[in-house]
Amino acid sequence: METISIKLKNKNALNILKSLEKAKIISLVKKNEANFKNPSSFKGAISKDRAIQLSNEINESRNEWEERTI
């Protein structure tokens, strides 16, 4: 099965799509659900060394934030 995005240009278009869904021809998916990516799909997107480096930078930034004086 394939997921696609559709831009509706007519008021009746959504009603037609809902009719197709009711006939079990298509399935309508909310936009935020369609754009959701499984976190495991990002595995290997950055190297392990870079991930450690980013983690260290984040921890350093947090420490600086906690140590700041106003």
N, C-alpha and C. Protein backbone atom coordinates (compact mmCIF):
# COMPACT_ATOMS: atom_id res chain seq x y z
N MET A 1 0.83 -1.17 0.00
CA MET A 1 0.00 0.00 0.00
C MET A 1 0.89 1.25 0.00
N GLU A 2 0.44 2.30 -0.63
CA GLU A 2 1.22 3.53 -0.77
C GLU A 2 0.45 4.69 -0.14
N THR A 3 1.16 5.60 0.51
CA THR A 3 0.55 6.79 1.11
C THR A 3 0.94 8.00 0.28
N ILE A 4 -0.06 8.82 -0.06
CA ILE A 4 0.19 10.03 -0.83
C ILE A 4 -0.50 11.21 -0.17
N SER A 5 -0.07 12.42 -0.50
CA SER A 5 -0.72 13.64 -0.02
C SER A 5 -1.55 14.20 -1.16
N ILE A 6 -2.69 14.77 -0.79
CA ILE A 6 -3.59 15.34 -1.80
C ILE A 6 -3.97 16.74 -1.36
N LYS A 7 -3.89 17.70 -2.29
CA LYS A 7 -4.35 19.06 -2.02
C LYS A 7 -5.75 19.19 -2.61
N LEU A 8 -6.73 19.46 -1.75
CA LEU A 8 -8.11 19.56 -2.21
C LEU A 8 -8.35 20.92 -2.86
N LYS A 9 -8.92 20.91 -4.05
CA LYS A 9 -9.18 22.15 -4.78
C LYS A 9 -10.67 22.43 -4.94
N ASN A 10 -11.50 21.54 -4.40
CA ASN A 10 -12.93 21.66 -4.58
C ASN A 10 -13.60 21.25 -3.27
N LYS A 11 -14.68 21.92 -2.91
CA LYS A 11 -15.39 21.61 -1.66
C LYS A 11 -15.92 20.17 -1.64
N ASN A 12 -16.24 19.65 -2.80
CA ASN A 12 -16.81 18.31 -2.88
C ASN A 12 -15.75 17.21 -2.82
N ALA A 13 -14.49 17.59 -2.97
CA ALA A 13 -13.42 16.59 -3.04
C ALA A 13 -13.35 15.75 -1.76
N LEU A 14 -13.47 16.39 -0.60
CA LEU A 14 -13.39 15.65 0.65
C LEU A 14 -14.56 14.68 0.78
N ASN A 15 -15.73 15.11 0.36
CA ASN A 15 -16.89 14.22 0.40
C ASN A 15 -16.68 13.00 -0.50
N ILE A 16 -16.09 13.22 -1.66
CA ILE A 16 -15.81 12.11 -2.58
C ILE A 16 -14.81 11.15 -1.94
N LEU A 17 -13.76 11.72 -1.32
CA LEU A 17 -12.77 10.87 -0.66
C LEU A 17 -13.38 10.09 0.49
N LYS A 18 -14.26 10.74 1.25
CA LYS A 18 -14.92 10.04 2.35
C LYS A 18 -15.81 8.90 1.83
N SER A 19 -16.44 9.12 0.67
CA SER A 19 -17.25 8.06 0.05
C SER A 19 -16.37 6.88 -0.37
N LEU A 20 -15.19 7.18 -0.91
CA LEU A 20 -14.26 6.11 -1.29
C LEU A 20 -13.77 5.36 -0.06
N GLU A 21 -13.59 6.08 1.04
CA GLU A 21 -13.17 5.42 2.27
C GLU A 21 -14.29 4.52 2.79
N LYS A 22 -15.51 5.02 2.73
CA LYS A 22 -16.66 4.23 3.19
C LYS A 22 -16.82 2.96 2.36
N ALA A 23 -16.47 3.04 1.07
CA ALA A 23 -16.54 1.88 0.18
C ALA A 23 -15.32 0.97 0.34
N LYS A 24 -14.45 1.33 1.29
CA LYS A 24 -13.23 0.56 1.59
C LYS A 24 -12.27 0.48 0.39
N ILE A 25 -12.26 1.56 -0.39
CA ILE A 25 -11.35 1.65 -1.53
C ILE A 25 -10.05 2.34 -1.10
N ILE A 26 -10.21 3.35 -0.25
CA ILE A 26 -9.04 4.08 0.27
C ILE A 26 -9.17 4.20 1.78
N SER A 27 -8.11 4.68 2.39
CA SER A 27 -8.08 4.97 3.82
C SER A 27 -7.57 6.38 4.00
N LEU A 28 -8.33 7.23 4.69
CA LEU A 28 -7.88 8.60 4.93
C LEU A 28 -7.03 8.62 6.19
N VAL A 29 -5.92 9.34 6.12
CA VAL A 29 -4.98 9.43 7.23
C VAL A 29 -4.80 10.89 7.57
N LYS A 30 -4.86 11.23 8.86
CA LYS A 30 -4.63 12.61 9.26
C LYS A 30 -3.21 13.02 8.91
N LYS A 31 -3.01 14.30 8.63
CA LYS A 31 -1.71 14.80 8.18
C LYS A 31 -0.59 14.48 9.16
N ASN A 32 -0.80 14.71 10.45
CA ASN A 32 0.27 14.45 11.41
C ASN A 32 0.60 12.96 11.50
N GLU A 33 -0.37 12.09 11.23
CA GLU A 33 -0.11 10.65 11.21
C GLU A 33 0.67 10.26 9.95
N ALA A 34 0.38 10.92 8.84
CA ALA A 34 1.04 10.59 7.58
C ALA A 34 2.51 10.98 7.60
N ASN A 35 2.85 12.04 8.34
CA ASN A 35 4.22 12.52 8.36
C ASN A 35 5.06 11.89 9.47
N PHE A 36 4.46 11.06 10.30
CA PHE A 36 5.19 10.45 11.40
C PHE A 36 6.19 9.43 10.87
N LYS A 37 7.41 9.53 11.38
CA LYS A 37 8.44 8.56 11.02
C LYS A 37 8.81 7.75 12.24
N ASN A 38 8.96 6.47 12.05
CA ASN A 38 9.36 5.58 13.12
C ASN A 38 10.79 5.93 13.53
N PRO A 39 11.04 6.14 14.83
CA PRO A 39 12.39 6.51 15.26
C PRO A 39 13.46 5.51 14.82
N SER A 40 13.11 4.25 14.70
CA SER A 40 14.10 3.26 14.27
C SER A 40 14.54 3.47 12.82
N SER A 41 13.76 4.24 12.05
CA SER A 41 14.14 4.52 10.66
C SER A 41 15.34 5.47 10.60
N PHE A 42 15.65 6.14 11.71
CA PHE A 42 16.78 7.07 11.75
C PHE A 42 18.07 6.38 12.19
N LYS A 43 18.00 5.10 12.53
CA LYS A 43 19.18 4.38 12.99
C LYS A 43 20.28 4.44 11.92
N GLY A 44 21.47 4.84 12.34
CA GLY A 44 22.59 4.93 11.43
C GLY A 44 22.65 6.23 10.65
N ALA A 45 21.74 7.17 10.94
CA ALA A 45 21.73 8.44 10.21
C ALA A 45 23.00 9.25 10.50
N ILE A 46 23.51 9.13 11.72
CA ILE A 46 24.79 9.76 12.07
C ILE A 46 25.68 8.70 12.70
N SER A 47 26.97 8.94 12.65
CA SER A 47 27.91 7.96 13.18
C SER A 47 27.84 7.93 14.71
N LYS A 48 28.30 6.83 15.28
CA LYS A 48 28.31 6.67 16.73
C LYS A 48 29.19 7.75 17.37
N ASP A 49 30.35 8.03 16.75
CA ASP A 49 31.25 9.05 17.27
C ASP A 49 30.58 10.42 17.29
N ARG A 50 29.87 10.77 16.22
CA ARG A 50 29.18 12.06 16.15
C ARG A 50 28.07 12.12 17.19
N ALA A 51 27.36 11.02 17.41
CA ALA A 51 26.29 10.97 18.42
C ALA A 51 26.86 11.22 19.81
N ILE A 52 28.00 10.63 20.11
CA ILE A 52 28.64 10.84 21.41
C ILE A 52 29.07 12.30 21.55
N GLN A 53 29.64 12.85 20.48
CA GLN A 53 30.07 14.24 20.48
C GLN A 53 28.87 15.18 20.73
N LEU A 54 27.76 14.94 20.06
CA LEU A 54 26.57 15.76 20.25
C LEU A 54 26.03 15.64 21.66
N SER A 55 26.03 14.44 22.20
CA SER A 55 25.57 14.21 23.56
C SER A 55 26.44 14.98 24.56
N ASN A 56 27.75 14.95 24.35
CA ASN A 56 28.66 15.69 25.23
C ASN A 56 28.41 17.19 25.13
N GLU A 57 28.18 17.70 23.93
CA GLU A 57 27.91 19.13 23.74
C GLU A 57 26.62 19.53 24.44
N ILE A 58 25.61 18.69 24.36
CA ILE A 58 24.33 18.97 25.02
C ILE A 58 24.51 19.00 26.53
N ASN A 59 25.23 18.02 27.06
CA ASN A 59 25.48 17.99 28.51
C ASN A 59 26.27 19.22 28.97
N GLU A 60 27.25 19.61 28.17
CA GLU A 60 28.04 20.80 28.50
C GLU A 60 27.16 22.05 28.51
N SER A 61 26.29 22.15 27.53
CA SER A 61 25.37 23.29 27.44
C SER A 61 24.43 23.31 28.65
N ARG A 62 23.92 22.16 29.04
CA ARG A 62 23.05 22.08 30.22
C ARG A 62 23.79 22.52 31.48
N ASN A 63 25.02 22.07 31.62
CA ASN A 63 25.81 22.45 32.79
C ASN A 63 26.05 23.96 32.82
N GLU A 64 26.35 24.55 31.67
CA GLU A 64 26.56 25.99 31.60
C GLU A 64 25.27 26.73 31.97
N TRP A 65 24.16 26.21 31.54
CA TRP A 65 22.87 26.84 31.83
C TRP A 65 22.60 26.81 33.34
N GLU A 66 22.88 25.67 33.99
CA GLU A 66 22.65 25.53 35.42
C GLU A 66 23.62 26.38 36.24
N GLU A 67 24.82 26.61 35.73
CA GLU A 67 25.84 27.37 36.46
C GLU A 67 25.73 28.87 36.28
N ARG A 68 24.90 29.30 35.36
CA ARG A 68 24.82 30.73 35.06
C ARG A 68 24.25 31.50 36.25
N THR A 69 24.65 32.75 36.38
CA THR A 69 24.13 33.63 37.42
C THR A 69 23.53 34.85 36.75
N ILE A 70 22.44 35.28 37.30
CA ILE A 70 21.76 36.44 36.71
C ILE A 70 21.85 37.59 37.67
